[in-house]
Amino acid sequence: MDNEQIIRNAYKIAEIKDAEGWLAAFTPDGTFTDQSIGVTYRGRDRFDPVENYGRAFSDMHRELYRLYVDGDVVVVQLALQGTHDGPLRVGGGVLAPTGKRMDAPCCDVFELENGKIKRFDCYPSGTIVLAQLGVLGALDAAVGPNA
């Protein structure tokens, strides 16, 4: 498989929530960083975000729009899509299911080494996700009028 096929296959593995397949796609020291929250996952923890979103959005889908390949770097423009029908772990606890759909832009950057993911930086649009789930009301309440 070439690098584009390797990354497309990784998304397929995430879609079916295959923990062992996902973990096997990485080098032993490979990392997965969710840039929206500034957390880097290593080892078995690399499956945590896939599991968390898979539980919160049972129909979770990653709609791939464009893939750009430059040697061992693959950049993917995509959308995260799904219905919030399960608990979503967030920084301060758990967000109960809202029943609302999300369709939020995301950009993923992968660095490969010998056919495995060495580094995965995910840039999901967290504010759009939270707005679509209807939970940004606290921000609205905290923002005052223009000075």
N, C-alpha and C. Protein backbone atom coordinates (compact mmCIF):
# COMPACT_ATOMS: atom_id res chain seq x y z
N MET A 1 0.85 -1.19 0.00
CA MET A 1 0.00 0.00 0.00
C MET A 1 0.89 1.25 0.00
N ASP A 2 0.44 2.27 -0.73
CA ASP A 2 1.15 3.54 -0.66
C ASP A 2 0.62 4.33 0.54
N ASN A 3 1.22 5.48 0.80
CA ASN A 3 0.87 6.23 2.01
C ASN A 3 -0.59 6.69 2.03
N GLU A 4 -1.14 7.06 0.89
CA GLU A 4 -2.55 7.44 0.86
C GLU A 4 -3.43 6.25 1.23
N GLN A 5 -3.14 5.08 0.69
CA GLN A 5 -3.93 3.89 1.01
C GLN A 5 -3.81 3.51 2.48
N ILE A 6 -2.62 3.68 3.05
CA ILE A 6 -2.41 3.37 4.46
C ILE A 6 -3.31 4.25 5.33
N ILE A 7 -3.39 5.54 5.01
CA ILE A 7 -4.21 6.47 5.80
C ILE A 7 -5.69 6.20 5.56
N ARG A 8 -6.08 5.95 4.33
CA ARG A 8 -7.50 5.62 4.08
C ARG A 8 -7.89 4.37 4.87
N ASN A 9 -7.00 3.40 4.92
CA ASN A 9 -7.27 2.18 5.69
C ASN A 9 -7.38 2.49 7.19
N ALA A 10 -6.56 3.40 7.70
CA ALA A 10 -6.64 3.77 9.12
C ALA A 10 -8.01 4.37 9.43
N TYR A 11 -8.54 5.18 8.53
CA TYR A 11 -9.89 5.73 8.75
C TYR A 11 -10.94 4.62 8.75
N LYS A 12 -10.79 3.64 7.87
CA LYS A 12 -11.74 2.52 7.85
C LYS A 12 -11.70 1.77 9.18
N ILE A 13 -10.50 1.58 9.72
CA ILE A 13 -10.34 0.90 11.00
C ILE A 13 -11.04 1.69 12.11
N ALA A 14 -10.86 3.02 12.09
CA ALA A 14 -11.52 3.87 13.09
C ALA A 14 -13.04 3.80 12.96
N GLU A 15 -13.53 3.74 11.73
CA GLU A 15 -14.98 3.69 11.49
C GLU A 15 -15.62 2.47 12.15
N ILE A 16 -14.91 1.33 12.12
CA ILE A 16 -15.47 0.11 12.71
C ILE A 16 -15.06 -0.07 14.16
N LYS A 17 -14.34 0.94 14.69
CA LYS A 17 -13.95 0.97 16.12
C LYS A 17 -13.12 -0.27 16.50
N ASP A 18 -12.18 -0.62 15.63
CA ASP A 18 -11.30 -1.77 15.84
C ASP A 18 -10.06 -1.31 16.61
N ALA A 19 -10.08 -1.48 17.92
CA ALA A 19 -8.99 -1.00 18.77
C ALA A 19 -7.64 -1.60 18.38
N GLU A 20 -7.59 -2.90 18.22
CA GLU A 20 -6.31 -3.55 17.92
C GLU A 20 -5.80 -3.15 16.54
N GLY A 21 -6.70 -3.04 15.58
CA GLY A 21 -6.30 -2.60 14.24
C GLY A 21 -5.78 -1.17 14.25
N TRP A 22 -6.45 -0.29 15.03
CA TRP A 22 -6.03 1.11 15.15
C TRP A 22 -4.64 1.18 15.77
N LEU A 23 -4.45 0.47 16.86
CA LEU A 23 -3.16 0.50 17.55
C LEU A 23 -2.05 -0.08 16.68
N ALA A 24 -2.35 -1.10 15.90
CA ALA A 24 -1.37 -1.72 15.02
C ALA A 24 -0.96 -0.81 13.86
N ALA A 25 -1.76 0.21 13.57
CA ALA A 25 -1.45 1.14 12.48
C ALA A 25 -0.32 2.11 12.85
N PHE A 26 0.03 2.17 14.15
CA PHE A 26 1.05 3.10 14.65
C PHE A 26 2.39 2.40 14.86
N THR A 27 3.46 3.20 14.79
CA THR A 27 4.76 2.71 15.22
C THR A 27 4.68 2.53 16.75
N PRO A 28 5.57 1.74 17.35
CA PRO A 28 5.50 1.56 18.81
C PRO A 28 5.56 2.88 19.59
N ASP A 29 6.30 3.87 19.09
CA ASP A 29 6.41 5.16 19.77
C ASP A 29 5.52 6.23 19.15
N GLY A 30 4.60 5.81 18.28
CA GLY A 30 3.73 6.75 17.59
C GLY A 30 2.82 7.52 18.54
N THR A 31 2.46 8.74 18.12
CA THR A 31 1.62 9.60 18.95
C THR A 31 0.36 10.03 18.20
N PHE A 32 -0.67 10.36 18.96
CA PHE A 32 -1.94 10.89 18.46
C PHE A 32 -2.24 12.10 19.32
N THR A 33 -2.19 13.30 18.72
CA THR A 33 -2.45 14.53 19.46
C THR A 33 -3.75 15.15 19.00
N ASP A 34 -4.66 15.37 19.94
CA ASP A 34 -5.89 16.11 19.67
C ASP A 34 -5.55 17.57 19.95
N GLN A 35 -5.31 18.31 18.89
CA GLN A 35 -4.86 19.70 19.01
C GLN A 35 -5.93 20.62 19.59
N SER A 36 -7.20 20.22 19.53
CA SER A 36 -8.27 21.09 20.06
C SER A 36 -8.24 21.13 21.58
N ILE A 37 -7.66 20.12 22.20
CA ILE A 37 -7.58 20.10 23.67
C ILE A 37 -6.14 20.01 24.17
N GLY A 38 -5.19 19.90 23.23
CA GLY A 38 -3.78 19.86 23.60
C GLY A 38 -3.36 18.62 24.35
N VAL A 39 -3.93 17.47 24.00
CA VAL A 39 -3.58 16.22 24.67
C VAL A 39 -2.95 15.27 23.66
N THR A 40 -1.81 14.68 24.06
CA THR A 40 -1.13 13.70 23.23
C THR A 40 -1.30 12.32 23.85
N TYR A 41 -1.74 11.37 23.03
CA TYR A 41 -1.97 10.00 23.46
C TYR A 41 -0.84 9.11 22.95
N ARG A 42 -0.42 8.19 23.82
CA ARG A 42 0.64 7.24 23.48
C ARG A 42 0.20 5.83 23.89
N GLY A 43 0.86 4.83 23.30
CA GLY A 43 0.55 3.45 23.66
C GLY A 43 -0.92 3.13 23.43
N ARG A 44 -1.49 2.35 24.32
CA ARG A 44 -2.90 1.95 24.18
C ARG A 44 -3.86 3.15 24.27
N ASP A 45 -3.42 4.22 24.91
CA ASP A 45 -4.26 5.41 25.02
C ASP A 45 -4.58 6.05 23.67
N ARG A 46 -3.82 5.68 22.62
CA ARG A 46 -4.09 6.24 21.28
C ARG A 46 -5.48 5.89 20.79
N PHE A 47 -6.10 4.87 21.36
CA PHE A 47 -7.46 4.50 20.95
C PHE A 47 -8.52 5.28 21.73
N ASP A 48 -8.15 5.93 22.82
CA ASP A 48 -9.13 6.64 23.67
C ASP A 48 -10.03 7.61 22.91
N PRO A 49 -9.48 8.51 22.07
CA PRO A 49 -10.37 9.44 21.36
C PRO A 49 -11.32 8.74 20.39
N VAL A 50 -10.83 7.71 19.72
CA VAL A 50 -11.69 6.95 18.79
C VAL A 50 -12.82 6.29 19.57
N GLU A 51 -12.48 5.70 20.71
CA GLU A 51 -13.49 5.05 21.55
C GLU A 51 -14.48 6.07 22.12
N ASN A 52 -13.97 7.19 22.62
CA ASN A 52 -14.82 8.23 23.21
C ASN A 52 -15.84 8.74 22.20
N TYR A 53 -15.37 9.11 21.01
CA TYR A 53 -16.30 9.63 19.99
C TYR A 53 -17.18 8.53 19.43
N GLY A 54 -16.66 7.32 19.36
CA GLY A 54 -17.48 6.19 18.89
C GLY A 54 -18.62 5.87 19.83
N ARG A 55 -18.40 6.06 21.13
CA ARG A 55 -19.44 5.83 22.13
C ARG A 55 -20.45 6.98 22.12
N ALA A 56 -19.95 8.20 21.98
CA ALA A 56 -20.82 9.38 22.02
C ALA A 56 -21.63 9.54 20.74
N PHE A 57 -21.08 9.08 19.62
CA PHE A 57 -21.74 9.18 18.32
C PHE A 57 -21.72 7.78 17.71
N SER A 58 -22.75 7.00 18.00
CA SER A 58 -22.74 5.59 17.56
C SER A 58 -22.66 5.46 16.04
N ASP A 59 -23.10 6.50 15.32
CA ASP A 59 -23.03 6.50 13.86
C ASP A 59 -21.86 7.35 13.36
N MET A 60 -20.84 7.51 14.18
CA MET A 60 -19.69 8.36 13.84
C MET A 60 -19.14 8.02 12.46
N HIS A 61 -18.96 9.07 11.68
CA HIS A 61 -18.43 8.91 10.33
C HIS A 61 -17.43 10.03 10.06
N ARG A 62 -16.38 9.69 9.36
CA ARG A 62 -15.38 10.66 8.93
C ARG A 62 -15.47 10.77 7.42
N GLU A 63 -16.03 11.87 6.95
CA GLU A 63 -16.20 12.08 5.51
C GLU A 63 -14.92 12.72 4.97
N LEU A 64 -14.16 11.95 4.20
CA LEU A 64 -12.89 12.43 3.66
C LEU A 64 -13.15 13.25 2.40
N TYR A 65 -12.60 14.47 2.38
CA TYR A 65 -12.77 15.34 1.21
C TYR A 65 -11.52 15.35 0.33
N ARG A 66 -10.40 15.72 0.91
CA ARG A 66 -9.16 15.80 0.13
C ARG A 66 -8.01 15.20 0.93
N LEU A 67 -7.15 14.50 0.23
CA LEU A 67 -5.92 13.98 0.81
C LEU A 67 -4.75 14.54 0.01
N TYR A 68 -3.76 15.03 0.72
CA TYR A 68 -2.56 15.57 0.10
C TYR A 68 -1.38 14.75 0.62
N VAL A 69 -0.58 14.22 -0.30
CA VAL A 69 0.54 13.38 0.08
C VAL A 69 1.83 14.05 -0.36
N ASP A 70 2.77 14.18 0.58
CA ASP A 70 4.10 14.71 0.29
C ASP A 70 5.10 13.79 0.99
N GLY A 71 5.56 12.78 0.28
CA GLY A 71 6.46 11.81 0.88
C GLY A 71 5.78 11.06 2.00
N ASP A 72 6.33 11.16 3.20
CA ASP A 72 5.78 10.45 4.36
C ASP A 72 4.79 11.29 5.16
N VAL A 73 4.35 12.41 4.60
CA VAL A 73 3.35 13.25 5.26
C VAL A 73 2.06 13.22 4.45
N VAL A 74 0.95 12.97 5.15
CA VAL A 74 -0.37 12.96 4.52
C VAL A 74 -1.26 13.92 5.30
N VAL A 75 -1.86 14.86 4.57
CA VAL A 75 -2.79 15.83 5.16
C VAL A 75 -4.18 15.52 4.62
N VAL A 76 -5.16 15.48 5.53
CA VAL A 76 -6.52 15.11 5.14
C VAL A 76 -7.49 16.20 5.59
N GLN A 77 -8.28 16.70 4.64
CA GLN A 77 -9.40 17.58 4.97
C GLN A 77 -10.63 16.70 5.03
N LEU A 78 -11.38 16.80 6.13
CA LEU A 78 -12.52 15.92 6.33
C LEU A 78 -13.58 16.59 7.19
N ALA A 79 -14.67 15.89 7.38
CA ALA A 79 -15.72 16.32 8.31
C ALA A 79 -15.99 15.18 9.27
N LEU A 80 -16.21 15.55 10.53
CA LEU A 80 -16.63 14.60 11.55
C LEU A 80 -18.15 14.69 11.62
N GLN A 81 -18.81 13.56 11.45
CA GLN A 81 -20.27 13.55 11.36
C GLN A 81 -20.85 12.49 12.28
N GLY A 82 -21.99 12.80 12.88
CA GLY A 82 -22.66 11.81 13.70
C GLY A 82 -23.73 12.42 14.58
N THR A 83 -24.52 11.54 15.19
CA THR A 83 -25.59 11.94 16.10
C THR A 83 -25.13 11.69 17.53
N HIS A 84 -25.24 12.71 18.37
CA HIS A 84 -24.77 12.61 19.76
C HIS A 84 -25.80 11.83 20.57
N ASP A 85 -25.62 10.51 20.60
CA ASP A 85 -26.58 9.64 21.28
C ASP A 85 -25.97 8.85 22.43
N GLY A 86 -24.77 9.24 22.85
CA GLY A 86 -24.12 8.58 23.98
C GLY A 86 -23.31 9.58 24.77
N PRO A 87 -22.77 9.17 25.93
CA PRO A 87 -21.99 10.10 26.75
C PRO A 87 -20.66 10.46 26.07
N LEU A 88 -20.31 11.74 26.13
CA LEU A 88 -19.06 12.24 25.55
C LEU A 88 -18.19 12.76 26.68
N ARG A 89 -17.04 12.11 26.89
CA ARG A 89 -16.09 12.62 27.89
C ARG A 89 -15.47 13.91 27.39
N VAL A 90 -15.52 14.94 28.20
CA VAL A 90 -14.89 16.22 27.91
C VAL A 90 -14.02 16.59 29.10
N GLY A 91 -13.24 17.66 28.98
CA GLY A 91 -12.29 18.04 30.01
C GLY A 91 -12.83 18.06 31.42
N GLY A 92 -14.02 18.59 31.62
CA GLY A 92 -14.55 18.73 32.97
C GLY A 92 -15.49 17.64 33.41
N GLY A 93 -15.66 16.58 32.62
CA GLY A 93 -16.58 15.51 33.00
C GLY A 93 -17.18 14.84 31.78
N VAL A 94 -18.51 14.66 31.82
CA VAL A 94 -19.21 13.95 30.75
C VAL A 94 -20.36 14.79 30.25
N LEU A 95 -20.46 14.91 28.93
CA LEU A 95 -21.57 15.61 28.30
C LEU A 95 -22.63 14.57 27.94
N ALA A 96 -23.81 14.69 28.57
CA ALA A 96 -24.90 13.75 28.32
C ALA A 96 -25.36 13.88 26.86
N PRO A 97 -25.92 12.81 26.30
CA PRO A 97 -26.39 12.85 24.91
C PRO A 97 -27.39 13.98 24.68
N THR A 98 -27.19 14.70 23.58
CA THR A 98 -28.11 15.79 23.23
C THR A 98 -29.09 15.39 22.14
N GLY A 99 -28.78 14.29 21.43
CA GLY A 99 -29.61 13.86 20.32
C GLY A 99 -29.39 14.69 19.06
N LYS A 100 -28.46 15.64 19.10
CA LYS A 100 -28.21 16.52 17.96
C LYS A 100 -27.11 15.97 17.07
N ARG A 101 -27.16 16.39 15.81
CA ARG A 101 -26.16 15.96 14.83
C ARG A 101 -25.00 16.94 14.79
N MET A 102 -23.84 16.40 14.53
CA MET A 102 -22.70 17.25 14.24
C MET A 102 -22.21 16.95 12.83
N ASP A 103 -21.71 17.97 12.20
CA ASP A 103 -21.07 17.86 10.89
C ASP A 103 -20.02 18.97 10.89
N ALA A 104 -18.85 18.66 11.43
CA ALA A 104 -17.85 19.68 11.72
C ALA A 104 -16.57 19.45 10.92
N PRO A 105 -15.96 20.52 10.45
CA PRO A 105 -14.71 20.39 9.71
C PRO A 105 -13.57 19.94 10.61
N CYS A 106 -12.61 19.28 9.98
CA CYS A 106 -11.44 18.78 10.69
C CYS A 106 -10.30 18.71 9.68
N CYS A 107 -9.09 18.80 10.18
CA CYS A 107 -7.90 18.59 9.35
C CYS A 107 -6.97 17.68 10.14
N ASP A 108 -6.51 16.63 9.50
CA ASP A 108 -5.61 15.68 10.14
C ASP A 108 -4.28 15.67 9.40
N VAL A 109 -3.19 15.62 10.16
CA VAL A 109 -1.85 15.56 9.59
C VAL A 109 -1.18 14.30 10.13
N PHE A 110 -0.74 13.46 9.21
CA PHE A 110 -0.08 12.21 9.56
C PHE A 110 1.37 12.23 9.07
N GLU A 111 2.26 11.70 9.90
CA GLU A 111 3.62 11.44 9.49
C GLU A 111 3.82 9.94 9.58
N LEU A 112 4.27 9.35 8.50
CA LEU A 112 4.45 7.90 8.44
C LEU A 112 5.93 7.52 8.48
N GLU A 113 6.16 6.33 8.99
CA GLU A 113 7.51 5.77 9.01
C GLU A 113 7.39 4.28 8.73
N ASN A 114 7.96 3.85 7.63
CA ASN A 114 7.92 2.43 7.24
C ASN A 114 6.49 1.88 7.22
N GLY A 115 5.56 2.67 6.67
CA GLY A 115 4.18 2.21 6.51
C GLY A 115 3.31 2.27 7.76
N LYS A 116 3.83 2.88 8.82
CA LYS A 116 3.07 3.01 10.08
C LYS A 116 2.97 4.49 10.45
N ILE A 117 1.95 4.82 11.24
CA ILE A 117 1.76 6.19 11.69
C ILE A 117 2.73 6.48 12.84
N LYS A 118 3.61 7.43 12.62
CA LYS A 118 4.55 7.84 13.66
C LYS A 118 3.96 9.02 14.45
N ARG A 119 3.23 9.87 13.74
CA ARG A 119 2.64 11.05 14.38
C ARG A 119 1.32 11.36 13.70
N PHE A 120 0.30 11.58 14.52
CA PHE A 120 -1.03 11.95 14.02
C PHE A 120 -1.47 13.16 14.82
N ASP A 121 -1.58 14.29 14.12
CA ASP A 121 -2.08 15.53 14.73
C ASP A 121 -3.46 15.81 14.16
N CYS A 122 -4.46 15.81 15.05
CA CYS A 122 -5.86 16.00 14.66
C CYS A 122 -6.28 17.41 15.08
N TYR A 123 -6.84 18.16 14.13
CA TYR A 123 -7.29 19.52 14.36
C TYR A 123 -8.81 19.61 14.14
N PRO A 124 -9.59 19.04 15.05
CA PRO A 124 -11.05 19.14 14.90
C PRO A 124 -11.54 20.53 15.30
N SER A 125 -12.62 20.96 14.71
CA SER A 125 -13.18 22.26 15.07
C SER A 125 -14.12 22.08 16.26
N GLY A 126 -13.52 22.06 17.44
CA GLY A 126 -14.27 21.81 18.67
C GLY A 126 -15.38 22.80 18.93
N THR A 127 -15.16 24.07 18.60
CA THR A 127 -16.22 25.06 18.85
C THR A 127 -17.43 24.80 17.96
N ILE A 128 -17.20 24.35 16.74
CA ILE A 128 -18.33 24.04 15.85
C ILE A 128 -19.08 22.82 16.38
N VAL A 129 -18.33 21.80 16.83
CA VAL A 129 -18.98 20.61 17.41
C VAL A 129 -19.85 21.02 18.58
N LEU A 130 -19.30 21.79 19.51
CA LEU A 130 -20.05 22.19 20.70
C LEU A 130 -21.24 23.08 20.35
N ALA A 131 -21.08 23.95 19.37
CA ALA A 131 -22.20 24.80 18.94
C ALA A 131 -23.31 23.94 18.33
N GLN A 132 -22.94 22.97 17.50
CA GLN A 132 -23.95 22.11 16.88
C GLN A 132 -24.66 21.24 17.91
N LEU A 133 -23.97 20.92 19.00
CA LEU A 133 -24.60 20.14 20.06
C LEU A 133 -25.41 21.02 21.01
N GLY A 134 -25.33 22.33 20.81
CA GLY A 134 -26.14 23.27 21.59
C GLY A 134 -25.63 23.51 23.00
N VAL A 135 -24.30 23.39 23.20
CA VAL A 135 -23.78 23.54 24.56
C VAL A 135 -22.85 24.75 24.73
N LEU A 136 -22.92 25.71 23.83
CA LEU A 136 -22.08 26.89 23.97
C LEU A 136 -22.79 28.04 24.68
N GLY A 137 -23.93 27.79 25.29
CA GLY A 137 -24.69 28.82 26.00
C GLY A 137 -23.92 29.50 27.11
N ALA A 138 -23.05 28.78 27.79
CA ALA A 138 -22.26 29.37 28.86
C ALA A 138 -21.33 30.44 28.31
N LEU A 139 -20.81 30.26 27.12
CA LEU A 139 -19.97 31.27 26.50
C LEU A 139 -20.79 32.50 26.18
N ASP A 140 -21.99 32.29 25.63
CA ASP A 140 -22.87 33.43 25.33
C ASP A 140 -23.14 34.25 26.57
N ALA A 141 -23.34 33.59 27.70
CA ALA A 141 -23.64 34.29 28.95
C ALA A 141 -22.41 35.04 29.48
N ALA A 142 -21.21 34.55 29.17
CA ALA A 142 -19.99 35.16 29.70
C ALA A 142 -19.51 36.35 28.87
N VAL A 143 -19.97 36.47 27.65
CA VAL A 143 -19.50 37.54 26.77
C VAL A 143 -20.35 38.78 26.96
N GLY A 144 -19.68 39.90 27.20
CA GLY A 144 -20.37 41.17 27.40
C GLY A 144 -20.42 41.99 26.12
N PRO A 145 -21.09 43.15 26.18
CA PRO A 145 -21.20 44.01 25.00
C PRO A 145 -19.83 44.59 24.62
N ASN A 146 -19.71 45.01 23.36
CA ASN A 146 -18.47 45.64 22.89
C ASN A 146 -18.23 46.93 23.64
N ALA A 147 -16.98 47.21 23.91
CA ALA A 147 -16.63 48.44 24.65
C ALA A 147 -16.49 49.60 23.69
